[in-house]
């Protein structure tokens, strides 16, 4: 690695396990152990440490606060890695004498962009079979696998998402071949030698689930269950019944050994792991909500959700987010009833809207995707302010993955994850000019030394240092 990368990389991995594992206990003590309890949260703690920064004051910019608000000629102060203050007038702020002052006149400030559906690191570039680590398609239910164990932290896609899209946090998910595909990894978009150095401190795990065509095609094609949609739900329900029984034994102290798959599902039932469910059709989303009520868990977000517009009232009532594209449609039967007004109709229904990527290129243009959805809504008579659309990429996204108390809006005390745009971020011509993560300037379009690229760039013109 280059020296600059080494200086920027996070501290070395430290695997400090919480709780007592059954494998460490003596045989005579096995029944007394309760080995799974501490593993529903992050058993391998994040080693992420914010990079050093200095106080920063951005003045005179149009500020979108991530909550739907807009401040003209606003001021944003970052200090000690946090958002310290946001105001419309300098008189409302106590600015440290050593603050770096940046003139934001004619420019725009937003919270850092968050992608809730990414496969960076598990399907890294170059996209060759040797890098295909997102689908453990050997069984229809694999809750025992964790995306973080596949994430390659040197994927060039991370730096491109930072520089081109202003992405400061992202959820990396397993693929959608399985009914239950495994745990997600919520990451800060920083350079690190290990995935633990990227893990968002304290973020809950997500559990990737999928319904519809993918699992029934993958496993029905192998001559095994499920091969139909009714098979999908049958396998899911049988698996949740096992999880309920495991949880009962765990709570009664009667587990004799750990079960990685059941630990994850028990964590969902405990409310500690958030369900991230790939689902296209409205009727199946409604069935999933019925299944969630049957087994006592909550769906945090439906992903892709191209027919969510049909059940906006149900999604609002269930406090379920819809992570959608602006206009992808028609690439399989499930997507034929997609409409570009999906996000707008959901917004009008009062439901939680998120714009996601599911794509290494799309993650670099989430702001443009959101603008397209806004324009389609406007043409249908649904007028949505720029501030509300920015919320789809920031606070709503943070809510969907369970980090909205730490990031997603420019509230004092939240992480200093901020993007300074050279134009309105909902413009085709907008690009990030500067990006801060935890108050540290990690990208600066005007400073060649702060245009981070991976050491594993392909070496093509414009794709990094090829000297």
Protein backbone atom coordinates (compact mmCIF):
# COMPACT_ATOMS: atom_id res chain seq x y z
CA UNK A 1 0.00 0.00 0.00
CA UNK A 2 1.02 3.58 -0.45
CA UNK A 3 2.14 5.40 2.68
CA UNK A 4 -0.91 7.66 2.52
CA UNK A 5 -3.20 4.67 2.62
CA UNK A 6 -1.35 3.24 5.60
CA UNK A 7 -1.67 6.51 7.46
CA UNK A 8 -5.38 6.66 6.70
CA UNK A 9 -6.16 3.03 7.49
CA UNK A 10 -7.93 2.15 10.71
CA UNK A 11 -6.20 0.49 13.65
CA UNK A 12 -5.49 -3.23 13.45
CA UNK A 13 -8.31 -5.69 13.95
CA UNK A 14 -9.06 -6.63 17.55
CA UNK A 15 -11.46 -9.54 17.95
CA UNK A 16 -12.86 -9.02 21.40
CA UNK A 17 -15.83 -11.30 21.94
CA UNK A 18 -18.72 -10.30 24.18
CA UNK A 19 -20.17 -12.89 26.54
CA UNK A 20 -19.11 -16.50 27.09
CA UNK A 21 -19.11 -18.89 24.15
CA UNK A 22 -20.26 -22.46 24.62
CA UNK A 23 -17.11 -23.67 22.88
CA UNK A 24 -15.09 -22.20 25.74
CA UNK A 25 -17.09 -23.89 28.43
CA UNK A 26 -16.31 -27.25 29.92
CA UNK A 27 -18.64 -30.07 28.99
CA UNK A 28 -20.16 -30.22 32.45
CA UNK A 29 -21.08 -26.52 32.24
CA UNK A 30 -22.71 -26.59 28.80
CA UNK A 31 -26.29 -26.64 30.05
CA UNK A 32 -25.60 -23.69 32.34
CA UNK A 33 -24.36 -21.54 29.48
CA UNK A 34 -26.56 -19.17 27.55
CA UNK A 35 -24.17 -18.73 24.63
CA UNK A 36 -26.26 -16.88 22.10
CA UNK A 37 -27.44 -13.84 24.01
CA UNK A 38 -24.51 -11.52 23.36
CA UNK A 39 -24.21 -12.52 19.71
CA UNK A 40 -27.38 -10.83 18.52
CA UNK A 41 -25.53 -7.53 18.61
CA UNK A 42 -21.99 -6.93 17.34
CA UNK A 43 -19.89 -9.73 18.86
CA UNK A 44 -16.85 -8.56 16.90
CA UNK A 45 -16.63 -4.90 17.92
CA UNK A 46 -15.97 -2.23 15.36
CA UNK A 47 -12.40 -0.97 15.41
CA UNK A 48 -13.45 2.11 13.45
CA UNK A 49 -11.86 5.28 14.77
CA UNK A 50 -12.79 8.70 13.35
CA UNK A 51 -9.93 10.27 11.45
CA UNK A 52 -8.51 13.49 12.94
CA UNK A 53 -10.32 16.61 11.83
CA UNK A 54 -10.46 20.27 12.74
CA UNK A 55 -13.37 22.58 13.42
CA UNK A 56 -15.01 23.62 10.15
CA UNK A 57 -17.47 26.41 9.47
CA UNK A 58 -19.33 26.42 6.14
CA UNK A 59 -20.97 29.77 5.49
CA UNK A 60 -23.53 31.14 3.05
CA UNK A 61 -24.69 27.80 1.59
CA UNK A 62 -28.17 26.48 0.98
CA UNK A 63 -28.53 23.86 3.69
CA UNK A 64 -30.79 20.82 3.49
CA UNK A 65 -30.95 19.50 7.05
CA UNK A 66 -32.00 15.93 6.15
CA UNK A 67 -35.32 16.28 7.97
CA UNK A 68 -37.09 18.07 5.15
CA UNK A 69 -35.93 21.56 6.07
CA UNK A 70 -34.08 24.09 3.93
CA UNK A 71 -32.04 27.09 5.13
CA UNK A 72 -30.95 29.75 2.69
CA UNK A 73 -27.53 31.32 3.32
CA UNK A 74 -27.07 28.93 6.19
CA UNK A 75 -24.09 28.19 8.41
CA UNK A 76 -22.91 24.69 9.41
CA UNK A 77 -20.34 24.17 12.15
CA UNK A 78 -18.50 20.88 12.62
CA UNK A 79 -16.48 20.37 15.78
CA UNK A 80 -15.01 17.35 17.58
CA UNK A 81 -16.25 15.07 14.84
CA UNK A 82 -19.88 16.11 15.32
CA UNK A 83 -22.37 18.56 13.92
CA UNK A 84 -22.04 21.38 16.43
CA UNK A 85 -24.61 23.84 15.09
CA UNK A 86 -26.71 24.75 12.06
CA UNK A 87 -28.15 28.22 11.79
CA UNK A 88 -29.30 30.91 9.42
CA UNK A 89 -27.11 33.61 10.95
CA UNK A 90 -23.58 33.77 12.30
CA UNK A 91 -24.81 35.50 15.44
CA UNK A 92 -26.38 32.22 16.50
CA UNK A 93 -23.03 30.38 16.69
CA UNK A 94 -19.96 30.23 18.89
CA UNK A 95 -17.19 29.51 16.37
CA UNK A 96 -13.79 28.23 17.58
CA UNK A 97 -10.90 30.53 16.70
CA UNK A 98 -9.10 27.71 14.86
CA UNK A 99 -12.07 26.78 12.67
CA UNK A 100 -11.44 26.38 8.96
CA UNK A 101 -13.86 28.72 7.24
CA UNK A 102 -15.29 27.66 3.89
CA UNK A 103 -17.33 30.01 1.75
CA UNK A 104 -20.37 28.05 0.59
CA UNK A 105 -21.99 30.87 -1.35
CA UNK A 106 -23.88 29.40 -4.30
CA UNK A 107 -23.28 25.87 -3.02
CA UNK A 108 -25.34 23.33 -1.11
CA UNK A 109 -24.87 21.31 2.08
CA UNK A 110 -26.54 18.01 2.94
CA UNK A 111 -25.95 15.25 5.46
CA UNK A 112 -23.85 12.41 4.09
CA UNK A 113 -25.72 10.19 1.64
CA UNK A 114 -26.64 6.72 2.90
CA UNK A 115 -27.24 3.69 0.68
CA UNK A 116 -29.30 1.04 2.43
CA UNK A 117 -28.89 -1.58 -0.30
CA UNK A 118 -25.35 -2.11 -1.53
CA UNK A 119 -23.25 -5.11 -2.47
CA UNK A 120 -19.94 -3.29 -2.48
CA UNK A 121 -17.23 -5.47 -1.06
CA UNK A 122 -19.18 -8.72 -1.47
CA UNK A 123 -19.41 -8.26 -5.27
CA UNK A 124 -16.36 -6.00 -5.72
CA UNK A 125 -14.71 -4.73 -8.88
CA UNK A 126 -13.47 -6.25 -11.06
CA UNK A 127 -16.63 -8.32 -11.28
CA UNK A 128 -15.15 -11.76 -11.77
CA UNK A 129 -16.30 -15.11 -10.41
CA UNK A 130 -13.48 -15.17 -7.86
CA UNK A 131 -15.05 -12.05 -6.29
CA UNK A 132 -18.61 -13.41 -6.20
CA UNK A 133 -19.17 -13.65 -2.44
CA UNK A 134 -22.69 -12.34 -1.95
CA UNK A 135 -24.96 -15.38 -2.32
CA UNK A 136 -24.48 -18.50 -0.22
CA UNK A 137 -26.88 -20.29 -2.55
CA UNK A 138 -26.45 -23.75 -1.06
CA UNK A 139 -29.61 -23.73 1.05
CA UNK A 140 -32.78 -21.62 0.88
CA UNK A 141 -32.22 -20.36 4.42
CA UNK A 142 -28.73 -19.31 5.51
CA UNK A 143 -29.19 -16.90 8.43
CA UNK A 144 -25.87 -18.15 9.78
CA UNK A 145 -23.81 -16.27 7.18
CA UNK A 146 -22.71 -12.65 7.68
CA UNK A 147 -21.93 -10.22 4.88
CA UNK A 148 -19.00 -8.78 6.83
CA UNK A 149 -17.16 -12.05 6.39
CA UNK A 150 -17.19 -11.47 2.62
CA UNK A 151 -16.56 -7.72 2.45
CA UNK A 152 -13.30 -6.83 0.69
CA UNK A 153 -12.46 -3.40 2.10
CA UNK A 154 -10.29 -2.47 -0.89
CA UNK A 155 -13.15 -2.61 -3.40
CA UNK A 156 -12.66 0.45 -5.68
CA UNK A 157 -16.41 1.00 -5.48
CA UNK A 158 -16.13 2.45 -1.98
CA UNK A 159 -13.94 5.37 -3.08
CA UNK A 160 -16.09 6.01 -6.14
CA UNK A 161 -19.23 6.13 -4.00
CA UNK A 162 -17.53 8.65 -1.71
CA UNK A 163 -16.14 10.91 -4.42
CA UNK A 164 -18.92 10.76 -6.99
CA UNK A 165 -21.96 10.22 -4.78
CA UNK A 166 -21.15 11.73 -1.40
CA UNK A 167 -21.91 8.37 0.25
CA UNK A 168 -20.70 8.36 3.85
CA UNK A 169 -22.47 5.23 5.17
CA UNK A 170 -23.90 2.13 3.55
CA UNK A 171 -25.51 -1.19 4.33
CA UNK A 172 -23.84 -4.11 2.56
CA UNK A 173 -26.26 -7.00 2.09
CA UNK A 174 -25.99 -10.61 0.99
CA UNK A 175 -27.63 -11.32 -2.36
CA UNK A 176 -31.25 -12.34 -2.92
CA UNK A 177 -30.92 -15.97 -3.98
CA UNK A 178 -32.14 -17.19 -0.60
CA UNK A 179 -35.32 -16.78 1.38
CA UNK A 180 -33.08 -15.85 4.31
CA UNK A 181 -29.69 -14.75 3.05
CA UNK A 182 -27.80 -13.72 6.18
CA UNK A 183 -26.75 -10.69 8.19
CA UNK A 184 -25.92 -7.32 6.71
CA UNK A 185 -22.93 -5.12 7.50
CA UNK A 186 -23.48 -1.41 8.14
CA UNK A 187 -20.28 0.46 7.24
CA UNK A 188 -18.79 3.92 7.35
CA UNK A 189 -17.34 4.68 3.93
CA UNK A 190 -13.74 5.07 5.07
CA UNK A 191 -10.48 3.42 4.14
CA UNK A 192 -9.43 0.57 6.40
CA UNK A 193 -7.34 -2.55 6.21
CA UNK A 194 -10.16 -4.68 7.59
CA UNK A 195 -13.92 -4.66 7.48
CA UNK A 196 -13.93 -4.19 11.26
CA UNK A 197 -12.23 -0.86 10.67
CA UNK A 198 -15.21 0.21 8.55
CA UNK A 199 -18.07 -1.06 10.69
CA UNK A 200 -20.46 1.64 11.83
CA UNK A 201 -20.04 1.75 15.63
CA UNK A 202 -23.09 0.39 17.40
CA UNK A 203 -25.18 -0.14 14.26
CA UNK A 204 -27.62 -3.04 14.51
CA UNK A 205 -27.32 -5.94 12.15
CA UNK A 206 -29.88 -6.38 9.41
CA UNK A 207 -31.17 -9.73 8.17
CA UNK A 208 -31.56 -10.03 4.40
CA UNK A 209 -34.68 -11.89 3.32
CA UNK A 210 -36.13 -12.35 -0.16
CA UNK A 211 -39.48 -13.37 -1.55
CA UNK A 212 -40.81 -14.08 -5.01
CA UNK A 213 -38.98 -15.21 -8.11
CA UNK A 214 -35.39 -15.44 -6.94
CA UNK A 215 -35.53 -18.16 -4.26
CA UNK A 216 -38.15 -20.26 -6.03
CA UNK A 217 -36.11 -20.14 -9.24
CA UNK A 218 -32.78 -20.90 -7.61
CA UNK A 219 -33.96 -23.84 -5.51
CA UNK A 220 -36.85 -25.06 -7.66
CA UNK A 221 -34.27 -25.25 -10.44
CA UNK A 222 -32.35 -27.68 -8.26
CA UNK A 223 -35.41 -29.88 -7.81
CA UNK A 224 -35.95 -28.94 -4.20
CA UNK A 225 -38.25 -26.81 -2.08
CA UNK A 226 -39.18 -24.02 -2.61
CA UNK A 227 -40.22 -24.07 -6.23
CA UNK A 228 -43.35 -21.91 -5.83
CA UNK A 229 -44.40 -18.84 -3.92
CA UNK A 230 -46.40 -20.99 -1.52
CA UNK A 231 -43.24 -23.02 -1.01
CA UNK A 232 -41.38 -19.82 -0.19
CA UNK A 233 -43.74 -19.01 2.64
CA UNK A 234 -43.90 -22.59 3.89
CA UNK A 235 -40.12 -22.78 4.25
CA UNK A 236 -40.03 -19.37 5.90
CA UNK A 237 -42.72 -20.27 8.41
CA UNK A 238 -41.15 -23.62 9.29
CA UNK A 239 -37.87 -21.82 9.90
CA UNK A 240 -39.47 -19.20 12.15
CA UNK A 241 -41.15 -21.97 14.18
CA UNK A 242 -37.70 -23.44 14.82
CA UNK A 243 -36.42 -20.02 15.78
CA UNK A 244 -39.22 -19.51 18.30
CA UNK A 245 -38.43 -22.85 19.91
CA UNK A 246 -34.71 -22.04 20.02
CA UNK A 247 -35.47 -18.71 21.64
CA UNK A 248 -37.65 -20.37 24.27
CA UNK A 249 -34.86 -22.79 25.13
CA UNK A 250 -32.33 -19.97 25.20
CA UNK A 251 -34.44 -17.91 27.56
CA UNK A 252 -34.96 -20.94 29.80
CA UNK A 253 -31.21 -21.61 29.90
CA UNK A 254 -31.64 -25.01 28.25
CA UNK A 255 -29.37 -24.61 25.21
CA UNK A 256 -26.61 -27.16 25.06
CA UNK A 257 -24.71 -25.62 22.16
CA UNK A 258 -24.74 -22.63 19.87
CA UNK A 259 -26.62 -22.59 16.58
CA UNK A 260 -25.42 -19.73 14.37
CA UNK A 261 -28.55 -19.72 12.21
CA UNK A 262 -30.95 -19.72 15.13
CA UNK A 263 -28.95 -17.06 16.99
CA UNK A 264 -29.58 -14.66 14.13
CA UNK A 265 -33.30 -15.44 13.94
CA UNK A 266 -33.68 -15.19 17.71
CA UNK A 267 -32.03 -11.78 17.44
CA UNK A 268 -34.75 -10.73 15.01
CA UNK A 269 -37.43 -11.96 17.40
CA UNK A 270 -35.71 -10.01 20.18
CA UNK A 271 -35.98 -6.85 18.09
CA UNK A 272 -32.20 -6.43 17.90
CA UNK A 273 -31.72 -7.36 14.22
CA UNK A 274 -33.63 -5.48 11.53
CA UNK A 275 -35.39 -7.27 8.68
CA UNK A 276 -34.37 -6.00 5.22
CA UNK A 277 -36.71 -7.79 2.83
CA UNK A 278 -36.21 -7.98 -0.96
CA UNK A 279 -39.77 -8.00 -2.32
CA UNK A 280 -41.32 -6.69 -5.53
CA UNK A 281 -45.04 -7.43 -5.55
CA UNK A 282 -47.55 -5.69 -3.31
CA UNK A 283 -49.47 -8.89 -2.55
CA UNK A 284 -46.32 -10.60 -1.31
CA UNK A 285 -45.32 -7.64 0.82
CA UNK A 286 -48.74 -7.82 2.48
CA UNK A 287 -48.24 -11.56 3.09
CA UNK A 288 -44.81 -10.89 4.60
CA UNK A 289 -46.39 -8.38 6.98
CA UNK A 290 -48.91 -11.08 7.98
CA UNK A 291 -46.04 -13.52 8.58
CA UNK A 292 -44.20 -10.94 10.67
CA UNK A 293 -47.28 -10.52 12.87
CA UNK A 294 -47.63 -14.29 13.17
CA UNK A 295 -44.11 -14.70 14.52
CA UNK A 296 -43.70 -11.41 16.34
CA UNK A 297 -41.06 -9.56 14.38
CA UNK A 298 -41.00 -6.27 12.47
CA UNK A 299 -40.02 -5.57 8.87
CA UNK A 300 -37.78 -2.51 8.82
CA UNK A 301 -37.74 -2.06 5.04
CA UNK A 302 -38.90 -3.66 1.82
CA UNK A 303 -36.21 -3.38 -0.82
CA UNK A 304 -36.92 -2.72 -4.51
CA UNK A 305 -40.63 -2.71 -3.63
CA UNK A 306 -41.68 -1.73 -7.15
CA UNK A 307 -45.38 -2.23 -6.32
CA UNK A 308 -45.24 -0.55 -2.92
CA UNK A 309 -47.42 2.26 -4.30
CA UNK A 310 -50.36 -0.15 -4.18
CA UNK A 311 -50.16 -0.61 -0.40
CA UNK A 312 -48.84 2.72 0.87
CA UNK A 313 -51.45 2.77 3.63
CA UNK A 314 -50.36 -0.65 4.93
CA UNK A 315 -46.71 0.36 4.89
CA UNK A 316 -47.44 3.59 6.74
CA UNK A 317 -49.49 1.73 9.36
CA UNK A 318 -46.67 -0.76 9.87
CA UNK A 319 -43.97 1.95 9.95
CA UNK A 320 -42.15 0.09 7.16
CA UNK A 321 -39.78 1.91 4.80
CA UNK A 322 -39.71 1.22 1.07
CA UNK A 323 -36.21 1.33 -0.44
CA UNK A 324 -36.91 1.82 -4.13
CA UNK A 325 -35.34 2.72 -7.45
CA UNK A 326 -36.51 5.71 -9.42
CA UNK A 327 -37.51 3.84 -12.56
CA UNK A 328 -35.99 0.38 -13.01
CA UNK A 329 -38.67 -1.90 -14.37
CA UNK A 330 -39.47 -4.68 -16.82
CA UNK A 331 -36.39 -6.86 -16.36
CA UNK A 332 -38.47 -9.75 -14.96
CA UNK A 333 -42.14 -10.53 -14.40
CA UNK A 334 -42.14 -9.15 -10.86
CA UNK A 335 -41.07 -5.75 -12.13
CA UNK A 336 -43.59 -5.35 -14.93
CA UNK A 337 -46.04 -3.36 -12.80
CA UNK A 338 -43.40 -0.89 -11.64
CA UNK A 339 -44.18 2.77 -12.25
CA UNK A 340 -41.88 5.81 -12.01
CA UNK A 341 -44.36 7.53 -9.68
CA UNK A 342 -43.86 4.83 -7.00
CA UNK A 343 -41.85 7.00 -4.62
CA UNK A 344 -44.15 9.98 -5.05
CA UNK A 345 -47.29 7.99 -4.34
CA UNK A 346 -45.69 6.45 -1.26
CA UNK A 347 -44.72 9.90 -0.04
CA UNK A 348 -48.27 11.17 -0.57
CA UNK A 349 -49.54 8.21 1.48
CA UNK A 350 -47.27 9.28 4.35
CA UNK A 351 -45.03 6.22 4.11
CA UNK A 352 -41.26 6.17 4.58
CA UNK A 353 -39.46 6.50 1.22
CA UNK A 354 -35.79 5.63 0.62
CA UNK A 355 -33.89 5.70 -2.67
CA UNK A 356 -31.36 2.86 -2.88
CA UNK A 357 -28.92 1.57 -5.48
CA UNK A 358 -28.30 -2.21 -5.52
CA UNK A 359 -25.60 -1.29 -8.01
CA UNK A 360 -21.94 -0.26 -7.97
CA UNK A 361 -22.64 2.50 -10.50
CA UNK A 362 -26.01 3.58 -9.16
CA UNK A 363 -24.56 4.24 -5.71
CA UNK A 364 -22.54 7.04 -7.31
CA UNK A 365 -25.69 8.82 -8.49
CA UNK A 366 -28.32 8.37 -5.80
CA UNK A 367 -28.92 12.12 -5.81
CA UNK A 368 -29.85 11.98 -9.49
CA UNK A 369 -32.08 8.95 -8.92
CA UNK A 370 -33.94 10.87 -6.23
CA UNK A 371 -34.33 13.84 -8.57
CA UNK A 372 -35.84 11.61 -11.25
CA UNK A 373 -38.38 10.26 -8.76
CA UNK A 374 -39.20 13.82 -7.69
CA UNK A 375 -39.75 14.86 -11.31
CA UNK A 376 -41.99 11.89 -12.06
CA UNK A 377 -44.06 12.67 -8.97
CA UNK A 378 -44.39 16.31 -10.01
CA UNK A 379 -45.65 15.31 -13.45
CA UNK A 380 -48.30 13.24 -11.70
CA UNK A 381 -49.40 16.23 -9.65
CA UNK A 382 -47.49 15.32 -6.47
CA UNK A 383 -45.22 18.22 -5.54
CA UNK A 384 -42.41 17.30 -3.15
CA UNK A 385 -39.92 19.86 -1.86
CA UNK A 386 -36.20 19.44 -2.43
CA UNK A 387 -35.68 19.14 1.31
CA UNK A 388 -38.08 16.20 1.57
CA UNK A 389 -36.42 14.44 -1.36
CA UNK A 390 -33.02 14.82 0.28
CA UNK A 391 -34.56 13.14 3.33
CA UNK A 392 -35.07 10.02 1.20
CA UNK A 393 -31.27 9.74 0.92
CA UNK A 394 -30.37 10.72 4.47
CA UNK A 395 -32.63 10.51 7.53
CA UNK A 396 -35.10 8.00 6.08
CA UNK A 397 -32.22 5.81 4.96
CA UNK A 398 -30.66 6.05 8.42
CA UNK A 399 -33.99 5.04 9.97
CA UNK A 400 -34.30 1.99 7.73
CA UNK A 401 -31.00 0.58 8.98
CA UNK A 402 -31.32 1.74 12.58
CA UNK A 403 -28.73 4.54 12.79
CA UNK A 404 -30.99 7.60 12.69
CA UNK A 405 -30.00 8.59 16.22
CA UNK A 406 -26.37 8.88 15.10
CA UNK A 407 -26.52 10.24 11.56
CA UNK A 408 -28.83 11.18 8.68
CA UNK A 409 -29.60 14.77 9.67
CA UNK A 410 -27.71 17.92 10.61
CA UNK A 411 -28.77 17.89 14.25
CA UNK A 412 -26.29 19.06 16.86
CA UNK A 413 -24.49 16.08 18.38
CA UNK A 414 -24.88 13.78 15.41
CA UNK A 415 -21.91 12.47 13.44
CA UNK A 416 -20.23 15.09 11.29
CA UNK A 417 -21.12 13.31 8.04
CA UNK A 418 -21.59 16.18 5.60
CA UNK A 419 -21.39 16.85 1.86
CA UNK A 420 -20.72 20.22 0.24
CA UNK A 421 -22.11 20.13 -3.30
CA UNK A 422 -21.05 22.45 -6.11
CA UNK A 423 -24.70 22.83 -7.18
CA UNK A 424 -28.16 21.75 -6.08
CA UNK A 425 -27.69 18.02 -5.41
CA UNK A 426 -30.92 17.33 -7.30
CA UNK A 427 -29.34 18.74 -10.45
CA UNK A 428 -27.82 16.52 -13.12
CA UNK A 429 -24.69 18.67 -12.95
CA UNK A 430 -24.12 18.48 -9.19
CA UNK A 431 -20.99 16.82 -7.84
CA UNK A 432 -19.61 16.56 -4.32
CA UNK A 433 -16.98 19.22 -3.78
CA UNK A 434 -16.03 18.15 -0.26
CA UNK A 435 -17.10 15.21 1.90
CA UNK A 436 -16.59 14.96 5.66
CA UNK A 437 -17.03 11.79 7.71
CA UNK A 438 -17.10 12.31 11.47
CA UNK A 439 -15.82 15.81 10.87
CA UNK A 440 -12.74 14.68 8.93
CA UNK A 441 -12.33 15.87 5.34
CA UNK A 442 -12.00 12.65 3.35
CA UNK A 443 -12.66 14.00 -0.14
CA UNK A 444 -11.84 17.33 -1.71
CA UNK A 445 -12.32 17.78 -5.45
CA UNK A 446 -9.94 20.72 -5.37
CA UNK A 447 -7.11 18.92 -3.59
CA UNK A 448 -5.42 16.02 -5.43
CA UNK A 449 -4.15 14.66 -2.11
CA UNK A 450 -7.73 14.27 -0.92
CA UNK A 451 -9.13 12.42 -3.89
CA UNK A 452 -8.96 8.96 -2.41
CA UNK A 453 -8.65 5.93 -4.67
CA UNK A 454 -8.20 2.28 -3.86
CA UNK A 455 -4.84 0.63 -4.42
CA UNK A 456 -6.78 -1.91 -6.46
CA UNK A 457 -8.12 0.46 -9.11
CA UNK A 458 -8.05 -1.01 -12.59
CA UNK A 459 -5.42 1.45 -13.77
CA UNK A 460 -7.55 2.95 -16.52
CA UNK A 461 -7.35 6.62 -17.37
CA UNK A 462 -9.15 8.67 -14.78
CA UNK A 463 -9.41 5.78 -12.33
CA UNK A 464 -6.66 6.62 -9.90
CA UNK A 465 -2.93 7.03 -9.68
CA UNK A 466 -1.37 5.09 -12.57
CA UNK A 467 2.11 6.59 -12.36
